[in-house]
């Protein structure tokens, strides 16, 4: 799988370099550089065809749209993964806190109900298998 990504990366780097060179030729265009311009345009078409071939090999890969937003904002796409993990850890801690609070509440509720309704709570605990009936 890594070879497919390496191949795509190589084709993209060649394509970007070709476009950079094409920009240089166009910015200082002279009639004598027409053949070089035509050659670079042909390389660009070939480069797009090579990239399209790589696309067919990677058709089962999906990238979250947020990653493209990171790239559009000039941010490192690897930060997306880091921030997702940080959000997941924060949410995990938040949910863990809620679970702990609910467990404490349940324990206190059972204690108070046992004081007020001792017989009913003894039956409840017996049904739950927490305490044998007295």
N, C-alpha and C. Protein backbone atom coordinates (compact mmCIF):
# COMPACT_ATOMS: atom_id res chain seq x y z
N UNK A 1 0.82 -1.20 0.00
CA UNK A 1 0.00 0.00 0.00
C UNK A 1 0.87 1.26 0.00
N UNK A 2 1.97 1.22 0.74
CA UNK A 2 2.85 2.39 0.80
C UNK A 2 3.44 2.71 -0.56
N UNK A 3 3.68 1.67 -1.38
CA UNK A 3 4.24 1.91 -2.71
C UNK A 3 3.29 2.74 -3.56
N UNK A 4 1.97 2.49 -3.39
CA UNK A 4 0.98 3.25 -4.16
C UNK A 4 1.05 4.73 -3.78
N UNK A 5 1.17 5.00 -2.47
CA UNK A 5 1.26 6.39 -2.03
C UNK A 5 2.57 7.02 -2.48
N UNK A 6 3.65 6.25 -2.43
CA UNK A 6 4.94 6.77 -2.88
C UNK A 6 4.90 7.12 -4.36
N UNK A 7 4.24 6.26 -5.14
CA UNK A 7 4.11 6.51 -6.57
C UNK A 7 3.30 7.78 -6.82
N UNK A 8 2.19 7.92 -6.11
CA UNK A 8 1.37 9.12 -6.26
C UNK A 8 2.15 10.36 -5.85
N UNK A 9 2.87 10.27 -4.75
CA UNK A 9 3.66 11.41 -4.29
C UNK A 9 4.70 11.80 -5.32
N UNK A 10 5.35 10.81 -5.90
CA UNK A 10 6.36 11.08 -6.91
C UNK A 10 5.75 11.78 -8.13
N UNK A 11 4.61 11.27 -8.59
CA UNK A 11 3.95 11.89 -9.75
C UNK A 11 3.50 13.32 -9.43
N UNK A 12 2.98 13.53 -8.21
CA UNK A 12 2.55 14.88 -7.84
C UNK A 12 3.72 15.85 -7.76
N UNK A 13 4.86 15.38 -7.21
CA UNK A 13 6.04 16.24 -7.14
C UNK A 13 6.54 16.61 -8.53
N UNK A 14 6.55 15.64 -9.44
CA UNK A 14 6.96 15.93 -10.82
C UNK A 14 6.00 16.92 -11.47
N UNK A 15 4.71 16.73 -11.21
CA UNK A 15 3.70 17.60 -11.80
C UNK A 15 3.86 19.04 -11.29
N UNK A 16 4.05 19.18 -9.98
CA UNK A 16 4.22 20.51 -9.40
C UNK A 16 5.48 21.18 -9.95
N UNK A 17 6.56 20.42 -10.06
CA UNK A 17 7.80 20.98 -10.61
C UNK A 17 7.60 21.40 -12.06
N UNK A 18 6.88 20.60 -12.82
CA UNK A 18 6.61 20.93 -14.22
C UNK A 18 5.78 22.22 -14.31
N UNK A 19 4.81 22.37 -13.43
CA UNK A 19 3.99 23.59 -13.44
C UNK A 19 4.84 24.79 -13.04
N UNK A 20 5.74 24.62 -12.08
CA UNK A 20 6.63 25.71 -11.68
C UNK A 20 7.47 26.16 -12.88
N UNK A 21 8.04 25.19 -13.60
CA UNK A 21 8.86 25.51 -14.76
C UNK A 21 8.01 26.16 -15.86
N UNK A 22 6.79 25.68 -16.01
CA UNK A 22 5.88 26.25 -17.00
C UNK A 22 5.58 27.71 -16.67
N UNK A 23 5.41 27.99 -15.38
CA UNK A 23 5.16 29.37 -14.94
C UNK A 23 6.33 30.28 -15.27
N UNK A 24 7.54 29.77 -15.11
CA UNK A 24 8.73 30.56 -15.43
C UNK A 24 8.77 30.87 -16.92
N UNK A 25 8.49 29.86 -17.75
CA UNK A 25 8.51 30.06 -19.20
C UNK A 25 7.46 31.07 -19.62
N UNK A 26 6.26 30.95 -19.05
CA UNK A 26 5.16 31.84 -19.43
C UNK A 26 5.41 33.27 -18.95
N UNK A 27 5.98 33.42 -17.75
CA UNK A 27 6.19 34.77 -17.22
C UNK A 27 7.20 35.56 -18.05
N UNK A 28 8.11 34.88 -18.70
CA UNK A 28 9.11 35.56 -19.52
C UNK A 28 9.05 35.00 -20.94
N UNK A 29 7.84 34.92 -21.47
CA UNK A 29 7.64 34.27 -22.77
C UNK A 29 8.27 35.08 -23.90
N UNK A 30 8.94 34.32 -24.77
CA UNK A 30 9.49 34.89 -26.00
C UNK A 30 9.20 33.88 -27.09
N UNK A 31 9.05 34.33 -28.33
CA UNK A 31 8.70 33.40 -29.41
C UNK A 31 9.69 32.23 -29.54
N UNK A 32 10.92 32.43 -29.17
CA UNK A 32 11.90 31.36 -29.28
C UNK A 32 11.67 30.25 -28.23
N UNK A 33 10.88 30.54 -27.19
CA UNK A 33 10.64 29.53 -26.15
C UNK A 33 9.33 28.77 -26.39
N UNK A 34 8.76 28.91 -27.58
CA UNK A 34 7.50 28.24 -27.89
C UNK A 34 7.64 26.72 -27.83
N UNK A 35 8.73 26.18 -28.35
CA UNK A 35 8.89 24.71 -28.33
C UNK A 35 9.02 24.21 -26.90
N UNK A 36 9.73 24.93 -26.05
CA UNK A 36 9.83 24.55 -24.64
C UNK A 36 8.49 24.62 -23.95
N UNK A 37 7.69 25.64 -24.29
CA UNK A 37 6.34 25.77 -23.73
C UNK A 37 5.47 24.59 -24.15
N UNK A 38 5.53 24.25 -25.43
CA UNK A 38 4.74 23.11 -25.92
C UNK A 38 5.16 21.81 -25.24
N UNK A 39 6.45 21.66 -25.05
CA UNK A 39 6.96 20.45 -24.39
C UNK A 39 6.47 20.38 -22.94
N UNK A 40 6.50 21.49 -22.23
CA UNK A 40 6.04 21.51 -20.84
C UNK A 40 4.53 21.25 -20.76
N UNK A 41 3.77 21.77 -21.73
CA UNK A 41 2.33 21.51 -21.75
C UNK A 41 2.06 20.03 -21.99
N UNK A 42 2.84 19.41 -22.86
CA UNK A 42 2.68 17.97 -23.09
C UNK A 42 3.06 17.17 -21.84
N UNK A 43 4.11 17.60 -21.14
CA UNK A 43 4.49 16.95 -19.89
C UNK A 43 3.38 17.09 -18.85
N UNK A 44 2.71 18.25 -18.87
CA UNK A 44 1.62 18.47 -17.92
C UNK A 44 0.47 17.51 -18.19
N UNK A 45 0.13 17.32 -19.46
CA UNK A 45 -0.93 16.38 -19.82
C UNK A 45 -0.54 14.96 -19.43
N UNK A 46 0.68 14.59 -19.70
CA UNK A 46 1.17 13.26 -19.33
C UNK A 46 1.15 13.09 -17.82
N UNK A 47 1.55 14.13 -17.10
CA UNK A 47 1.54 14.09 -15.64
C UNK A 47 0.15 13.88 -15.08
N UNK A 48 -0.83 14.57 -15.68
CA UNK A 48 -2.22 14.39 -15.24
C UNK A 48 -2.70 12.96 -15.52
N UNK A 49 -2.29 12.40 -16.63
CA UNK A 49 -2.65 11.02 -16.93
C UNK A 49 -2.02 10.06 -15.92
N UNK A 50 -0.77 10.30 -15.55
CA UNK A 50 -0.11 9.45 -14.55
C UNK A 50 -0.81 9.55 -13.20
N UNK A 51 -1.19 10.76 -12.83
CA UNK A 51 -1.91 10.95 -11.56
C UNK A 51 -3.25 10.23 -11.61
N UNK A 52 -3.92 10.29 -12.74
CA UNK A 52 -5.21 9.60 -12.88
C UNK A 52 -5.04 8.09 -12.75
N UNK A 53 -3.95 7.54 -13.26
CA UNK A 53 -3.69 6.10 -13.10
C UNK A 53 -3.50 5.75 -11.63
N UNK A 54 -2.83 6.62 -10.88
CA UNK A 54 -2.65 6.39 -9.45
C UNK A 54 -3.99 6.46 -8.72
N UNK A 55 -4.86 7.34 -9.18
CA UNK A 55 -6.18 7.49 -8.55
C UNK A 55 -6.95 6.18 -8.62
N UNK A 56 -6.83 5.47 -9.73
CA UNK A 56 -7.54 4.20 -9.89
C UNK A 56 -7.03 3.16 -8.90
N UNK A 57 -5.75 3.22 -8.53
CA UNK A 57 -5.19 2.27 -7.57
C UNK A 57 -5.61 2.59 -6.14
N UNK A 58 -5.96 3.84 -5.89
CA UNK A 58 -6.30 4.28 -4.53
C UNK A 58 -7.77 4.62 -4.39
N UNK A 59 -8.63 3.99 -5.17
CA UNK A 59 -10.05 4.34 -5.17
C UNK A 59 -10.74 4.04 -3.85
N UNK A 60 -10.21 3.12 -3.05
CA UNK A 60 -10.86 2.74 -1.79
C UNK A 60 -10.41 3.59 -0.60
N UNK A 61 -9.59 4.60 -0.83
CA UNK A 61 -9.11 5.48 0.24
C UNK A 61 -10.04 6.68 0.34
N UNK A 62 -10.48 6.97 1.56
CA UNK A 62 -11.31 8.17 1.75
C UNK A 62 -10.61 9.10 2.74
N UNK A 63 -10.67 10.37 2.45
CA UNK A 63 -10.03 11.39 3.27
C UNK A 63 -11.12 12.32 3.79
N UNK A 64 -11.16 12.56 5.11
CA UNK A 64 -12.18 13.48 5.65
C UNK A 64 -12.03 14.87 5.04
N UNK A 65 -13.15 15.53 4.81
CA UNK A 65 -13.12 16.87 4.21
C UNK A 65 -12.37 17.87 5.09
N UNK A 66 -12.38 17.63 6.40
CA UNK A 66 -11.68 18.53 7.30
C UNK A 66 -10.18 18.59 7.00
N UNK A 67 -9.62 17.48 6.51
CA UNK A 67 -8.20 17.47 6.16
C UNK A 67 -7.93 18.46 5.03
N UNK A 68 -8.83 18.48 4.05
CA UNK A 68 -8.67 19.43 2.94
C UNK A 68 -8.84 20.87 3.43
N UNK A 69 -9.72 21.07 4.41
CA UNK A 69 -9.87 22.41 4.98
C UNK A 69 -8.57 22.83 5.68
N UNK A 70 -7.92 21.90 6.37
CA UNK A 70 -6.63 22.20 7.00
C UNK A 70 -5.63 22.63 5.94
N UNK A 71 -5.58 21.90 4.85
CA UNK A 71 -4.64 22.22 3.78
C UNK A 71 -4.96 23.58 3.18
N UNK A 72 -6.26 23.84 2.93
CA UNK A 72 -6.66 25.13 2.37
C UNK A 72 -6.29 26.29 3.29
N UNK A 73 -6.29 26.04 4.59
CA UNK A 73 -5.94 27.08 5.56
C UNK A 73 -4.43 27.20 5.76
N UNK A 74 -3.67 26.38 5.02
CA UNK A 74 -2.22 26.43 5.13
C UNK A 74 -1.69 25.71 6.36
N UNK A 75 -2.51 24.85 6.94
CA UNK A 75 -2.10 24.11 8.14
C UNK A 75 -1.64 22.71 7.74
N UNK A 76 -0.84 22.12 8.61
CA UNK A 76 -0.32 20.78 8.38
C UNK A 76 -1.45 19.76 8.57
N UNK A 77 -1.72 18.92 7.58
CA UNK A 77 -2.82 17.95 7.72
C UNK A 77 -2.57 16.92 8.83
N UNK A 78 -1.32 16.74 9.23
CA UNK A 78 -1.05 15.81 10.33
C UNK A 78 -1.59 16.34 11.65
N UNK A 79 -1.78 17.66 11.73
CA UNK A 79 -2.37 18.24 12.94
C UNK A 79 -3.82 17.81 13.10
N UNK A 80 -4.48 17.50 11.99
CA UNK A 80 -5.86 17.04 12.06
C UNK A 80 -5.97 15.78 12.91
N UNK A 81 -5.09 14.82 12.67
CA UNK A 81 -5.10 13.57 13.44
C UNK A 81 -4.82 13.86 14.91
N UNK A 82 -3.84 14.70 15.17
CA UNK A 82 -3.48 15.03 16.55
C UNK A 82 -4.66 15.68 17.26
N UNK A 83 -5.32 16.63 16.60
CA UNK A 83 -6.44 17.32 17.23
C UNK A 83 -7.64 16.40 17.41
N UNK A 84 -7.84 15.47 16.48
CA UNK A 84 -8.93 14.48 16.64
C UNK A 84 -8.68 13.62 17.87
N UNK A 85 -7.44 13.18 18.05
CA UNK A 85 -7.10 12.37 19.23
C UNK A 85 -7.27 13.18 20.52
N UNK A 86 -6.86 14.43 20.49
CA UNK A 86 -7.02 15.27 21.69
C UNK A 86 -8.49 15.48 22.01
N UNK A 87 -9.33 15.70 20.99
CA UNK A 87 -10.77 15.86 21.23
C UNK A 87 -11.38 14.57 21.76
N UNK A 88 -10.93 13.42 21.22
CA UNK A 88 -11.45 12.13 21.68
C UNK A 88 -11.07 11.89 23.14
N UNK A 89 -9.83 12.22 23.51
CA UNK A 89 -9.40 12.05 24.90
C UNK A 89 -10.19 12.96 25.83
N UNK A 90 -10.41 14.20 25.42
CA UNK A 90 -11.17 15.14 26.25
C UNK A 90 -12.61 14.64 26.42
N UNK A 91 -13.21 14.18 25.34
CA UNK A 91 -14.59 13.67 25.41
C UNK A 91 -14.63 12.42 26.28
N UNK A 92 -13.61 11.57 26.19
CA UNK A 92 -13.54 10.36 27.00
C UNK A 92 -13.50 10.72 28.49
N UNK A 93 -12.69 11.71 28.84
CA UNK A 93 -12.61 12.15 30.24
C UNK A 93 -13.94 12.72 30.70
N UNK A 94 -14.59 13.47 29.83
CA UNK A 94 -15.89 14.07 30.17
C UNK A 94 -16.92 12.98 30.43
N UNK A 95 -16.98 11.99 29.55
CA UNK A 95 -17.95 10.90 29.70
C UNK A 95 -17.61 10.07 30.94
N UNK A 96 -16.32 9.83 31.17
CA UNK A 96 -15.90 9.08 32.36
C UNK A 96 -16.36 9.80 33.62
N UNK A 97 -16.24 11.11 33.64
CA UNK A 97 -16.70 11.90 34.78
C UNK A 97 -18.19 11.76 34.99
N UNK A 98 -18.95 11.77 33.91
CA UNK A 98 -20.41 11.61 34.01
C UNK A 98 -20.77 10.23 34.53
N UNK A 99 -20.05 9.21 34.06
CA UNK A 99 -20.32 7.85 34.51
C UNK A 99 -20.03 7.72 36.00
N UNK A 100 -18.90 8.27 36.44
CA UNK A 100 -18.56 8.23 37.86
C UNK A 100 -19.61 8.95 38.70
N UNK A 101 -20.08 10.09 38.23
CA UNK A 101 -21.11 10.85 38.94
C UNK A 101 -22.39 10.05 39.04
N UNK A 102 -22.77 9.40 37.95
CA UNK A 102 -24.00 8.59 37.96
C UNK A 102 -23.87 7.40 38.91
N UNK A 103 -22.69 6.79 38.97
CA UNK A 103 -22.48 5.67 39.90
C UNK A 103 -22.61 6.14 41.35
N UNK A 104 -22.03 7.30 41.65
CA UNK A 104 -22.15 7.86 43.01
C UNK A 104 -23.60 8.19 43.33
N UNK A 105 -24.30 8.76 42.36
CA UNK A 105 -25.71 9.09 42.56
C UNK A 105 -26.52 7.83 42.83
N UNK A 106 -26.28 6.79 42.05
CA UNK A 106 -27.00 5.53 42.24
C UNK A 106 -26.75 4.97 43.63
N UNK A 107 -25.49 4.99 44.05
CA UNK A 107 -25.13 4.46 45.37
C UNK A 107 -25.84 5.25 46.48
N UNK A 108 -25.81 6.58 46.38
CA UNK A 108 -26.47 7.41 47.38
C UNK A 108 -27.99 7.21 47.35
N UNK A 109 -28.55 7.08 46.16
CA UNK A 109 -29.99 6.87 46.04
C UNK A 109 -30.41 5.55 46.69
N UNK A 110 -29.62 4.50 46.45
CA UNK A 110 -29.93 3.20 47.05
C UNK A 110 -29.81 3.29 48.57
N UNK A 111 -28.80 4.00 49.07
CA UNK A 111 -28.67 4.15 50.53
C UNK A 111 -29.88 4.85 51.13
N UNK A 112 -30.29 5.94 50.50
CA UNK A 112 -31.43 6.71 51.02
C UNK A 112 -32.73 5.93 50.88
N UNK A 113 -32.92 5.24 49.77
CA UNK A 113 -34.14 4.43 49.60
C UNK A 113 -34.17 3.28 50.60
N UNK A 114 -33.01 2.74 50.92
CA UNK A 114 -32.93 1.65 51.90
C UNK A 114 -33.36 2.15 53.28
N UNK A 115 -33.03 3.40 53.61
CA UNK A 115 -33.45 3.96 54.89
C UNK A 115 -34.97 4.15 54.94
N UNK A 116 -35.54 4.60 53.82
CA UNK A 116 -36.97 4.92 53.80
C UNK A 116 -37.82 3.67 53.52
N UNK A 117 -37.39 2.82 52.61
CA UNK A 117 -38.15 1.63 52.23
C UNK A 117 -37.27 0.38 52.41
N UNK A 118 -36.97 0.00 53.65
CA UNK A 118 -36.04 -1.11 53.86
C UNK A 118 -36.53 -2.43 53.29
N UNK A 119 -37.80 -2.74 53.41
CA UNK A 119 -38.30 -4.03 52.92
C UNK A 119 -38.28 -4.08 51.39
N UNK A 120 -38.76 -3.02 50.77
CA UNK A 120 -38.79 -2.99 49.31
C UNK A 120 -37.37 -3.03 48.73
N UNK A 121 -36.46 -2.34 49.37
CA UNK A 121 -35.08 -2.32 48.88
C UNK A 121 -34.41 -3.67 49.09
N UNK A 122 -34.78 -4.39 50.17
CA UNK A 122 -34.23 -5.73 50.39
C UNK A 122 -34.68 -6.64 49.25
N UNK A 123 -35.96 -6.53 48.85
CA UNK A 123 -36.46 -7.32 47.72
C UNK A 123 -35.73 -6.93 46.43
N UNK A 124 -35.56 -5.63 46.23
CA UNK A 124 -34.87 -5.13 45.03
C UNK A 124 -33.45 -5.69 44.96
N UNK A 125 -32.73 -5.62 46.09
CA UNK A 125 -31.36 -6.11 46.13
C UNK A 125 -31.32 -7.62 45.90
N UNK A 126 -32.32 -8.34 46.42
CA UNK A 126 -32.37 -9.79 46.22
C UNK A 126 -32.59 -10.11 44.75
N UNK A 127 -33.46 -9.37 44.11
CA UNK A 127 -33.72 -9.59 42.69
C UNK A 127 -32.47 -9.29 41.87
N UNK A 128 -31.77 -8.24 42.25
CA UNK A 128 -30.54 -7.86 41.56
C UNK A 128 -29.37 -8.77 41.91
N UNK A 129 -29.53 -9.60 42.93
CA UNK A 129 -28.47 -10.49 43.34
C UNK A 129 -27.39 -9.80 44.14
N UNK A 130 -27.70 -8.63 44.67
CA UNK A 130 -26.71 -7.87 45.43
C UNK A 130 -26.64 -8.31 46.89
N UNK A 131 -27.77 -8.65 47.45
CA UNK A 131 -27.85 -9.05 48.85
C UNK A 131 -28.84 -10.19 48.97
N UNK A 132 -28.52 -11.20 49.74
CA UNK A 132 -29.52 -12.24 49.93
C UNK A 132 -30.68 -11.69 50.77
N UNK A 133 -31.94 -12.14 50.49
CA UNK A 133 -33.08 -11.63 51.27
C UNK A 133 -32.94 -12.05 52.73
N UNK A 134 -33.41 -11.19 53.66
CA UNK A 134 -33.31 -11.50 55.07
C UNK A 134 -34.52 -12.27 55.55
